[in-house]
Protein backbone atom coordinates (compact mmCIF):
# COMPACT_ATOMS: atom_id res chain seq x y z
CA UNK A 1 0.31 -0.06 -0.48
CA UNK A 2 1.54 3.69 -1.03
CA UNK A 3 0.65 6.29 2.06
CA UNK A 4 1.10 9.62 2.42
CA UNK A 5 1.79 11.21 5.63
CA UNK A 6 1.34 15.03 6.41
CA UNK A 7 3.16 15.23 10.01
CA UNK A 8 6.24 14.63 11.24
CA UNK A 9 5.82 14.75 14.74
CA UNK A 10 5.46 12.01 17.14
CA UNK A 11 2.51 10.85 15.53
CA UNK A 12 3.45 10.95 12.09
CA UNK A 13 7.15 9.75 13.05
CA UNK A 14 6.25 6.51 14.65
CA UNK A 15 3.42 6.00 11.47
CA UNK A 16 5.97 6.03 9.33
CA UNK A 17 8.38 4.24 11.26
CA UNK A 18 5.78 1.12 11.74
CA UNK A 19 3.99 1.21 8.36
CA UNK A 20 7.43 1.23 6.69
CA UNK A 21 8.77 -1.80 8.62
CA UNK A 22 5.50 -3.64 7.62
CA UNK A 23 6.78 -2.97 4.08
CA UNK A 24 4.25 -0.35 3.07
CA UNK A 25 5.16 2.45 0.67
CA UNK A 26 5.55 5.55 2.69
CA UNK A 27 5.95 9.28 1.61
CA UNK A 28 6.24 11.77 4.98
CA UNK A 29 5.45 15.39 4.43
CA UNK A 30 6.93 18.03 6.80
CA UNK A 31 6.84 21.91 6.97
CA UNK A 32 9.75 22.18 9.62
CA UNK A 33 13.52 21.48 8.47
CA UNK A 34 14.63 19.71 11.79
CA UNK A 35 11.92 17.60 11.63
CA UNK A 36 12.24 16.30 8.33
CA UNK A 37 16.37 16.12 9.18
CA UNK A 38 15.25 13.92 11.71
CA UNK A 39 12.62 11.79 9.59
CA UNK A 40 15.31 11.45 7.11
CA UNK A 41 18.48 10.41 9.11
CA UNK A 42 16.24 7.62 10.70
CA UNK A 43 13.44 6.08 8.48
CA UNK A 44 13.71 4.22 5.32
CA UNK A 45 10.65 6.75 3.86
CA UNK A 46 10.50 9.41 1.21
CA UNK A 47 10.80 12.76 3.04
CA UNK A 48 9.19 15.93 1.37
CA UNK A 49 10.21 19.16 3.13
CA UNK A 50 6.48 21.02 2.24
CA UNK A 51 2.89 22.19 3.15
CA UNK A 52 0.80 18.85 3.69
CA UNK A 53 -2.33 21.38 2.79
CA UNK A 54 -0.77 22.17 -0.35
CA UNK A 55 -2.18 20.56 -3.53
CA UNK A 56 1.46 21.46 -5.36
CA UNK A 57 3.20 19.16 -2.55
CA UNK A 58 0.55 16.49 -2.59
CA UNK A 59 0.75 15.58 -6.31
CA UNK A 60 4.66 15.78 -5.70
CA UNK A 61 4.43 12.97 -2.86
CA UNK A 62 2.66 11.05 -5.19
CA UNK A 63 -0.71 11.53 -3.98
CA UNK A 64 -2.46 10.42 -7.12
CA UNK A 65 -0.94 6.99 -7.17
CA UNK A 66 -1.67 6.34 -3.20
CA UNK A 67 -4.14 4.21 -1.38
CA UNK A 68 -4.35 6.51 2.02
CA UNK A 69 -3.58 9.83 3.35
CA UNK A 70 -2.95 10.60 6.50
CA UNK A 71 -3.38 13.83 8.02
CA UNK A 72 -1.45 13.83 11.56
CA UNK A 73 0.24 17.18 12.15
CA UNK A 74 -0.53 19.08 15.19
CA UNK A 75 -2.73 21.72 13.67
CA UNK A 76 -6.46 20.87 12.69
CA UNK A 77 -6.82 23.09 9.81
CA UNK A 78 -3.72 21.66 7.97
CA UNK A 79 -5.21 18.09 8.44
CA UNK A 80 -8.95 18.93 7.28
CA UNK A 81 -7.59 20.96 4.30
CA UNK A 82 -5.07 18.43 3.47
CA UNK A 83 -7.89 15.63 3.05
CA UNK A 84 -10.21 17.84 1.34
CA UNK A 85 -7.59 18.39 -1.29
CA UNK A 86 -6.48 14.74 -1.23
CA UNK A 87 -10.21 14.03 -1.62
CA UNK A 88 -10.16 15.64 -5.09
CA UNK A 89 -7.01 14.22 -6.25
CA UNK A 90 -6.96 10.68 -5.73
CA UNK A 91 -9.48 8.02 -5.10
CA UNK A 92 -8.17 6.62 -1.73
CA UNK A 93 -9.21 6.64 1.68
CA UNK A 94 -8.45 9.67 4.07
CA UNK A 95 -7.51 9.94 7.77
CA UNK A 96 -7.38 13.09 9.96
CA UNK A 97 -6.08 13.72 13.80
CA UNK A 98 -8.60 16.46 14.75
CA UNK A 99 -8.72 17.62 18.11
CA UNK A 100 -11.95 20.07 18.03
CA UNK A 101 -15.15 18.07 18.48
CA UNK A 102 -16.93 20.49 16.20
CA UNK A 103 -16.31 19.05 13.16
CA UNK A 104 -17.62 15.45 14.34
CA UNK A 105 -20.45 16.76 16.54
CA UNK A 106 -24.22 15.72 14.98
CA UNK A 107 -24.83 19.05 14.50
CA UNK A 108 -21.56 20.03 12.61
CA UNK A 109 -22.12 22.47 9.75
CA UNK A 110 -19.78 20.72 8.00
CA UNK A 111 -19.24 16.50 8.57
CA UNK A 112 -16.02 14.75 8.23
CA UNK A 113 -17.49 13.28 4.59
CA UNK A 114 -18.21 16.42 3.45
CA UNK A 115 -14.65 17.93 4.13
CA UNK A 116 -13.13 14.76 2.32
CA UNK A 117 -12.32 12.75 5.42
CA UNK A 118 -12.96 9.00 6.09
CA UNK A 119 -12.05 8.94 9.69
CA UNK A 120 -11.70 11.17 12.15
CA UNK A 121 -9.62 10.84 14.89
CA UNK A 122 -9.56 12.45 18.18
CA UNK A 123 -6.83 12.02 20.08
CA UNK A 124 -7.98 13.04 23.61
CA UNK A 125 -11.02 10.60 22.78
CA UNK A 126 -8.82 7.74 22.33
CA UNK A 127 -6.60 8.43 25.53
CA UNK A 128 -9.90 8.72 27.48
CA UNK A 129 -11.08 5.23 25.90
CA UNK A 130 -8.03 3.69 26.86
CA UNK A 131 -7.74 4.92 30.44
CA UNK A 132 -11.39 3.41 31.01
CA UNK A 133 -10.19 0.58 29.64
CA UNK A 134 -7.49 0.30 32.33
CA UNK A 135 -10.08 1.03 35.01
CA UNK A 136 -12.11 -1.96 34.20
CA UNK A 137 -9.23 -4.26 33.85
CA UNK A 138 -7.76 -2.68 36.96
CA UNK A 139 -4.73 -5.10 37.44
CA UNK A 140 -3.37 -4.49 33.76
CA UNK A 141 -0.58 -1.83 32.36
CA UNK A 142 -1.94 -2.41 29.21
CA UNK A 143 -5.65 -3.38 27.72
CA UNK A 144 -5.91 -4.41 23.80
CA UNK A 145 -9.08 -5.92 22.49
CA UNK A 146 -8.98 -8.04 19.24
CA UNK A 147 -12.14 -10.30 18.07
CA UNK A 148 -14.23 -7.81 18.94
CA UNK A 149 -13.27 -8.45 22.48
CA UNK A 150 -13.55 -11.83 22.77
CA UNK A 151 -9.60 -12.04 23.02
CA UNK A 152 -7.53 -9.29 24.85
CA UNK A 153 -4.05 -9.17 25.18
CA UNK A 154 -2.74 -7.60 28.73
CA UNK A 155 0.18 -6.03 29.50
CA UNK A 156 1.22 -7.19 33.39
CA UNK A 157 3.95 -6.55 35.86
CA UNK A 158 4.66 -9.75 37.56
CA UNK A 159 4.98 -9.13 41.73
CA UNK A 160 7.36 -10.90 43.69
CA UNK A 161 5.11 -13.34 45.22
CA UNK A 162 3.45 -14.45 41.97
CA UNK A 163 2.62 -18.06 41.86
CA UNK A 164 4.39 -18.21 38.42
CA UNK A 165 8.08 -16.58 39.48
CA UNK A 166 11.52 -18.51 38.67
CA UNK A 167 9.29 -21.23 36.62
CA UNK A 168 9.64 -21.87 32.44
CA UNK A 169 6.44 -21.00 29.88
CA UNK A 170 6.97 -24.68 29.57
CA UNK A 171 6.20 -25.35 33.10
CA UNK A 172 3.74 -23.02 33.70
CA UNK A 173 2.07 -24.63 30.79
CA UNK A 174 2.01 -28.16 32.40
CA UNK A 175 1.19 -26.67 36.19
CA UNK A 176 -1.67 -24.82 35.02
CA UNK A 177 -3.35 -26.95 31.75
CA UNK A 178 -6.65 -25.66 32.98
CA UNK A 179 -6.29 -22.03 31.60
CA UNK A 180 -5.80 -21.48 28.21
CA UNK A 181 -3.70 -18.39 27.78
CA UNK A 182 -0.62 -17.66 26.29
CA UNK A 183 2.84 -15.32 27.12
CA UNK A 184 3.71 -13.50 23.87
CA UNK A 185 6.16 -11.19 24.88
CA UNK A 186 8.59 -10.49 28.30
CA UNK A 187 10.16 -7.00 28.65
CA UNK A 188 12.80 -7.04 30.78
CA UNK A 189 15.51 -4.74 31.58
CA UNK A 190 14.91 -2.41 28.55
CA UNK A 191 14.46 -5.42 26.12
CA UNK A 192 11.44 -7.28 24.84
CA UNK A 193 11.93 -11.25 24.18
CA UNK A 194 9.85 -13.08 22.16
CA UNK A 195 9.78 -15.81 24.71
CA UNK A 196 9.82 -19.89 24.00
CA UNK A 197 9.12 -22.66 26.46
CA UNK A 198 12.11 -22.38 28.12
CA UNK A 199 12.32 -18.90 29.22
CA UNK A 200 11.57 -18.06 32.92
CA UNK A 201 9.53 -15.57 34.59
CA UNK A 202 11.49 -13.47 37.05
CA UNK A 203 9.72 -10.17 39.40
CA UNK A 204 8.89 -7.19 37.67
CA UNK A 205 9.44 -8.34 34.42
CA UNK A 206 6.43 -6.67 32.53
CA UNK A 207 4.78 -9.69 30.41
CA UNK A 208 2.02 -9.68 27.76
CA UNK A 209 -0.57 -12.25 27.65
CA UNK A 210 -3.01 -13.15 25.35
CA UNK A 211 -6.39 -14.66 26.46
CA UNK A 212 -9.67 -15.73 26.12
CA UNK A 213 -11.68 -12.26 28.14
CA UNK A 214 -13.40 -14.71 30.60
CA UNK A 215 -10.48 -16.33 31.28
CA UNK A 216 -8.50 -13.09 32.26
CA UNK A 217 -9.42 -12.81 35.94
CA UNK A 218 -7.73 -16.36 36.92
CA UNK A 219 -4.83 -15.35 34.36
CA UNK A 220 -3.80 -12.51 36.35
CA UNK A 221 -3.92 -14.32 39.38
CA UNK A 222 -0.62 -16.12 38.25
CA UNK A 223 1.51 -12.97 38.03
CA UNK A 224 0.27 -11.97 41.93
CA UNK A 225 -2.59 -9.73 40.52
CA UNK A 226 -6.48 -9.94 41.29
CA UNK A 227 -9.34 -8.22 40.16
CA UNK A 228 -9.96 -5.39 42.45
CA UNK A 229 -13.25 -3.85 43.32
CA UNK A 230 -12.61 0.16 41.93
CA UNK A 231 -14.94 2.70 44.06
CA UNK A 232 -12.81 5.79 44.58
CA UNK A 233 -11.46 7.56 41.67
CA UNK A 234 -9.86 10.83 41.98
CA UNK A 235 -8.89 12.54 38.41
CA UNK A 236 -6.62 15.53 38.39
CA UNK A 237 -7.00 17.80 35.40
CA UNK A 238 -10.21 18.94 34.06
CA UNK A 239 -9.39 19.57 30.76
CA UNK A 240 -11.14 17.26 27.87
CA UNK A 241 -9.25 13.96 28.67
CA UNK A 242 -10.21 14.72 32.49
CA UNK A 243 -14.09 15.53 31.55
CA UNK A 244 -14.86 12.44 29.12
CA UNK A 245 -12.91 9.88 31.60
CA UNK A 246 -15.72 11.54 34.50
CA UNK A 247 -18.04 11.38 32.09
CA UNK A 248 -17.84 7.70 31.49
CA UNK A 249 -17.43 6.80 35.13
CA UNK A 250 -20.14 8.57 35.79
CA UNK A 251 -22.16 5.44 34.24
CA UNK A 252 -20.98 3.30 36.92
CA UNK A 253 -23.41 4.09 40.19
CA UNK A 254 -21.14 2.48 42.37
CA UNK A 255 -17.96 4.61 41.66
CA UNK A 256 -17.46 8.02 43.73
CA UNK A 257 -15.64 10.71 41.16
CA UNK A 258 -13.74 13.34 42.35
CA UNK A 259 -12.17 15.76 39.56
CA UNK A 260 -9.33 18.35 40.72
CA UNK A 261 -8.28 21.44 38.52
CA UNK A 262 -6.44 24.20 39.71
CA UNK A 263 -7.86 26.72 37.10
CA UNK A 264 -10.88 28.22 38.43
CA UNK A 265 -12.61 29.06 35.37
CA UNK A 266 -11.93 25.32 33.97
CA UNK A 267 -13.36 23.92 37.66
CA UNK A 268 -16.49 25.90 36.66
CA UNK A 269 -17.17 24.25 33.14
CA UNK A 270 -16.37 20.71 34.21
CA UNK A 271 -18.91 21.09 37.35
CA UNK A 272 -21.56 22.39 34.63
CA UNK A 273 -20.56 19.50 32.15
CA UNK A 274 -20.84 16.98 34.94
CA UNK A 275 -23.40 15.60 37.27
CA UNK A 276 -22.41 12.99 39.63
CA UNK A 277 -18.68 14.11 39.71
CA UNK A 278 -17.42 16.21 42.78
CA UNK A 279 -15.48 19.00 41.20
CA UNK A 280 -12.59 20.87 43.34
CA UNK A 281 -10.70 23.62 42.34
CA UNK A 282 -7.42 22.89 44.06
CA UNK A 283 -3.90 21.56 42.65
CA UNK A 284 -3.47 17.96 42.99
CA UNK A 285 0.51 18.46 43.28
CA UNK A 286 -0.57 20.12 47.34
CA UNK A 287 0.21 16.85 49.64
CA UNK A 288 -1.56 18.76 52.24
CA UNK A 289 -4.87 18.80 49.72
CA UNK A 290 -4.40 15.26 48.84
CA UNK A 291 -4.44 13.88 51.86
CA UNK A 292 -7.23 15.96 53.39
CA UNK A 293 -9.62 14.95 50.26
CA UNK A 294 -9.22 11.20 51.02
CA UNK A 295 -6.38 10.39 48.89
CA UNK A 296 -5.49 6.99 50.85
CA UNK A 297 -8.62 5.81 50.57
CA UNK A 298 -8.76 6.06 46.70
CA UNK A 299 -8.38 3.06 44.65
CA UNK A 300 -7.40 4.83 41.54
CA UNK A 301 -5.29 8.44 40.97
CA UNK A 302 -5.72 9.35 37.17
CA UNK A 303 -3.17 12.59 36.46
CA UNK A 304 -4.57 14.05 32.91
CA UNK A 305 -3.64 17.25 33.07
CA UNK A 306 -2.74 19.48 30.61
CA UNK A 307 0.82 19.85 32.42
CA UNK A 308 2.88 16.62 31.78
CA UNK A 309 5.36 17.20 34.63
CA UNK A 310 2.34 17.86 36.98
CA UNK A 311 0.70 14.56 35.93
CA UNK A 312 4.29 13.00 36.95
CA UNK A 313 4.56 14.31 40.06
CA UNK A 314 0.61 14.07 41.28
CA UNK A 315 0.63 10.92 40.33
CA UNK A 316 4.16 9.79 42.38
CA UNK A 317 2.31 11.88 45.44
CA UNK A 318 -0.23 9.42 45.35
CA UNK A 319 1.94 6.50 45.07
CA UNK A 320 3.58 7.87 48.26
CA UNK A 321 0.42 8.37 50.36
CA UNK A 322 -0.35 4.67 49.38
CA UNK A 323 -3.02 4.64 46.23
CA UNK A 324 -3.23 1.53 44.67
CA UNK A 325 -2.86 2.45 41.03
CA UNK A 326 -1.84 5.66 39.57
CA UNK A 327 -2.88 6.23 35.44
CA UNK A 328 -0.62 9.01 34.28
CA UNK A 329 -1.03 11.20 30.60
CA UNK A 330 2.34 11.88 29.15
CA UNK A 331 2.70 14.02 25.93
CA UNK A 332 6.50 12.72 25.17
CA UNK A 333 6.72 9.43 23.69
CA UNK A 334 10.14 9.01 24.85
CA UNK A 335 9.01 9.15 28.35
CA UNK A 336 6.84 5.59 28.36
CA UNK A 337 10.13 3.11 28.54
CA UNK A 338 10.98 4.55 31.91
CA UNK A 339 7.57 5.77 33.98
CA UNK A 340 7.02 2.46 35.44
CA UNK A 341 10.92 2.66 36.81
CA UNK A 342 10.05 5.77 38.74
CA UNK A 343 7.29 4.35 40.83
CA UNK A 344 4.53 5.25 38.23
CA UNK A 345 1.89 1.96 37.50
CA UNK A 346 0.66 3.09 34.08
CA UNK A 347 1.46 5.80 31.24
CA UNK A 348 -1.23 6.66 28.44
CA UNK A 349 0.10 8.78 25.68
CA UNK A 350 -2.78 10.35 23.36
CA UNK A 351 -0.43 9.89 20.82
CA UNK A 352 0.43 6.46 20.88
CA UNK A 353 -3.68 6.46 21.24
CA UNK A 354 -4.10 7.97 17.82
CA UNK A 355 -1.19 6.12 16.24
CA UNK A 356 -3.45 2.43 17.46
CA UNK A 357 -6.49 4.02 16.08
CA UNK A 358 -5.27 4.38 12.98
CA UNK A 359 -3.62 1.46 12.51
CA UNK A 360 -6.28 -0.39 12.88
CA UNK A 361 -8.11 1.64 10.21
CA UNK A 362 -4.95 0.29 7.48
CA UNK A 363 -7.04 -2.72 6.10
CA UNK A 364 -5.28 -4.14 3.23
CA UNK A 365 -5.05 -7.60 2.01
CA UNK A 366 -4.24 -10.05 4.93
CA UNK A 367 -3.79 -7.84 7.84
CA UNK A 368 -7.06 -6.62 9.66
CA UNK A 369 -5.27 -4.78 12.45
CA UNK A 370 -2.10 -3.49 14.03
CA UNK A 371 -1.74 -1.88 17.78
CA UNK A 372 1.89 -0.65 18.83
CA UNK A 373 2.76 -1.49 22.32
CA UNK A 374 3.41 1.85 24.69
CA UNK A 375 7.42 1.74 25.86
CA UNK A 376 8.02 -1.65 24.02
CA UNK A 377 9.41 -2.42 19.94
CA UNK A 378 6.76 -4.91 19.74
CA UNK A 379 3.44 -4.93 17.67
CA UNK A 380 0.13 -6.99 17.81
CA UNK A 381 -0.96 -7.69 14.53
CA UNK A 382 -4.59 -9.29 13.40
CA UNK A 383 -3.80 -11.21 10.01
CA UNK A 384 -6.23 -13.62 7.71
CA UNK A 385 -4.86 -16.41 6.65
CA UNK A 386 -5.16 -16.74 3.03
CA UNK A 387 -5.59 -20.00 1.05
CA UNK A 388 -2.77 -21.69 0.11
CA UNK A 389 -0.66 -19.69 2.81
CA UNK A 390 2.22 -21.00 4.22
CA UNK A 391 0.57 -20.81 7.99
CA UNK A 392 -2.16 -22.97 7.22
CA UNK A 393 0.30 -26.08 5.78
CA UNK A 394 1.06 -27.59 8.84
CA UNK A 395 0.34 -27.27 12.75
CA UNK A 396 2.26 -24.38 14.61
CA UNK A 397 4.71 -26.36 15.86
CA UNK A 398 6.06 -27.85 12.96
CA UNK A 399 6.30 -24.28 11.18
CA UNK A 400 9.01 -22.83 10.81
CA UNK A 401 7.29 -19.28 11.87
CA UNK A 402 10.05 -16.56 12.36
CA UNK A 403 11.26 -16.68 15.86
CA UNK A 404 10.61 -13.01 16.95
CA UNK A 405 7.13 -13.49 16.63
CA UNK A 406 4.76 -15.84 18.75
CA UNK A 407 0.81 -16.80 17.13
CA UNK A 408 -1.47 -15.89 20.08
CA UNK A 409 -5.40 -16.20 19.32
CA UNK A 410 -7.30 -17.96 16.14
CA UNK A 411 -10.94 -16.86 15.59
CA UNK A 412 -12.88 -19.16 12.72
CA UNK A 413 -15.37 -18.44 10.56
CA UNK A 414 -17.72 -20.24 12.31
CA UNK A 415 -17.20 -17.76 15.53
CA UNK A 416 -15.02 -20.09 17.11
CA UNK A 417 -12.46 -17.78 19.07
CA UNK A 418 -9.32 -19.96 20.86
CA UNK A 419 -5.72 -19.59 22.19
CA UNK A 420 -3.15 -20.91 20.00
CA UNK A 421 -0.84 -24.20 21.31
CA UNK A 422 1.54 -25.73 19.51
CA UNK A 423 -0.75 -28.55 18.12
CA UNK A 424 -3.45 -25.83 16.77
CA UNK A 425 -3.71 -26.32 12.95
CA UNK A 426 -4.49 -22.85 11.26
CA UNK A 427 -7.37 -22.68 8.21
CA UNK A 428 -7.84 -20.08 5.35
CA UNK A 429 -9.43 -17.34 6.66
CA UNK A 430 -8.80 -17.83 10.00
CA UNK A 431 -8.32 -14.44 11.72
CA UNK A 432 -5.28 -14.56 13.87
CA UNK A 433 -3.85 -12.51 16.36
CA UNK A 434 0.29 -12.15 16.28
CA UNK A 435 2.70 -10.72 18.90
CA UNK A 436 5.69 -9.39 16.92
CA UNK A 437 8.71 -7.69 16.92
CA UNK A 438 9.37 -5.30 14.18
CA UNK A 439 12.13 -6.93 12.31
CA UNK A 440 9.91 -9.90 12.40
CA UNK A 441 6.58 -8.43 10.92
CA UNK A 442 7.69 -8.89 7.43
CA UNK A 443 8.57 -12.26 7.51
CA UNK A 444 5.38 -12.95 9.23
CA UNK A 445 2.98 -11.29 6.65
CA UNK A 446 4.86 -13.78 3.99
CA UNK A 447 3.53 -16.40 6.03
CA UNK A 448 0.11 -15.21 5.99
CA UNK A 449 -0.26 -14.47 2.38
CA UNK A 450 -1.26 -16.68 -0.65
CA UNK A 451 1.72 -18.14 -2.84
């Protein structure tokens, strides 16, 4: 697939990196000379310095022969105009990253389709949705749904008292035969491992497991976790993400939600928008205030203000005051790998949430969707096994599948969903979730392609 990406900021840059590794032909348009130089030096893509909202620049980038335009700059208007221009120049699809909700409300003067946009993605909405999923699955650091939510990939940090500590994957599989799950990655000391049967679970490993949704609670117990009841939630930040999370949590009548916002005007607007949430005009980086507001009894502290440093500081204060779980919104994706090492439980990036939403939209051939992991170099890919493809020739344990990739789950055309084992035989048109390191993705795709 030929894809033109407008904007080489963190979203556009990461998209270009992932998609080029997947074998797509990428052209990246960026107006900032410094970002152009970075992309040229580090990515295997064509980079054009210019205005992505210019028809001339789009034509130069080869838009007429392209399949998809992704407008991912930090400016809504550039993204919208780029899609409008592209829709007149080619027959492909368009995706726009847009922060302003006015363009997608039911009463909008111009709808996304009238603006030439096939998919409009709101970064704050994507981040808020991810946070709500993490609250519902309280012991996980990452939650990704596949097969219409019947299969989940969970990121979990292994506790020192976990039953599987110092046991190999093979030993755990033999001991817990009744549980159907698969460990698809282990992140340890800044290294991501696609594990084999002899790899051992160690304390503080970040493991990624794939499981049927109904089995998740039992799988979590193996890592030393339990699904804890969440009743007391404190949110720092009354901007859009904070309000969206609070609105969603208000639907759960058993949750008490407090929202803290230091700006008086923002706190007033939040109070007008929210009906069951207690809104407080204060600063969550003040330890006395947090103690006074009962943070010691809070189950989850969510820091989603527009100030990244305050989010980190307030989350560290919350952990110091014994809050069970903290979720922190960070802007810089470079911070994601180190968040857990400084004592914060979970980091959410609206930029990475946006990247994943865009990747899921890119449907071509046997690839259904792609999800990029936060803070590690790995991708979860959902593919369709094509007739006469290599992956359908033998059971999984007989295939010479790429060593840096693991087949996680299978969904059949009859509606059956199961976690794969070595004896699993993949059939044509089965939907398969694979967890892979970037260097293995191209080879994985070959296994699923028709010969």
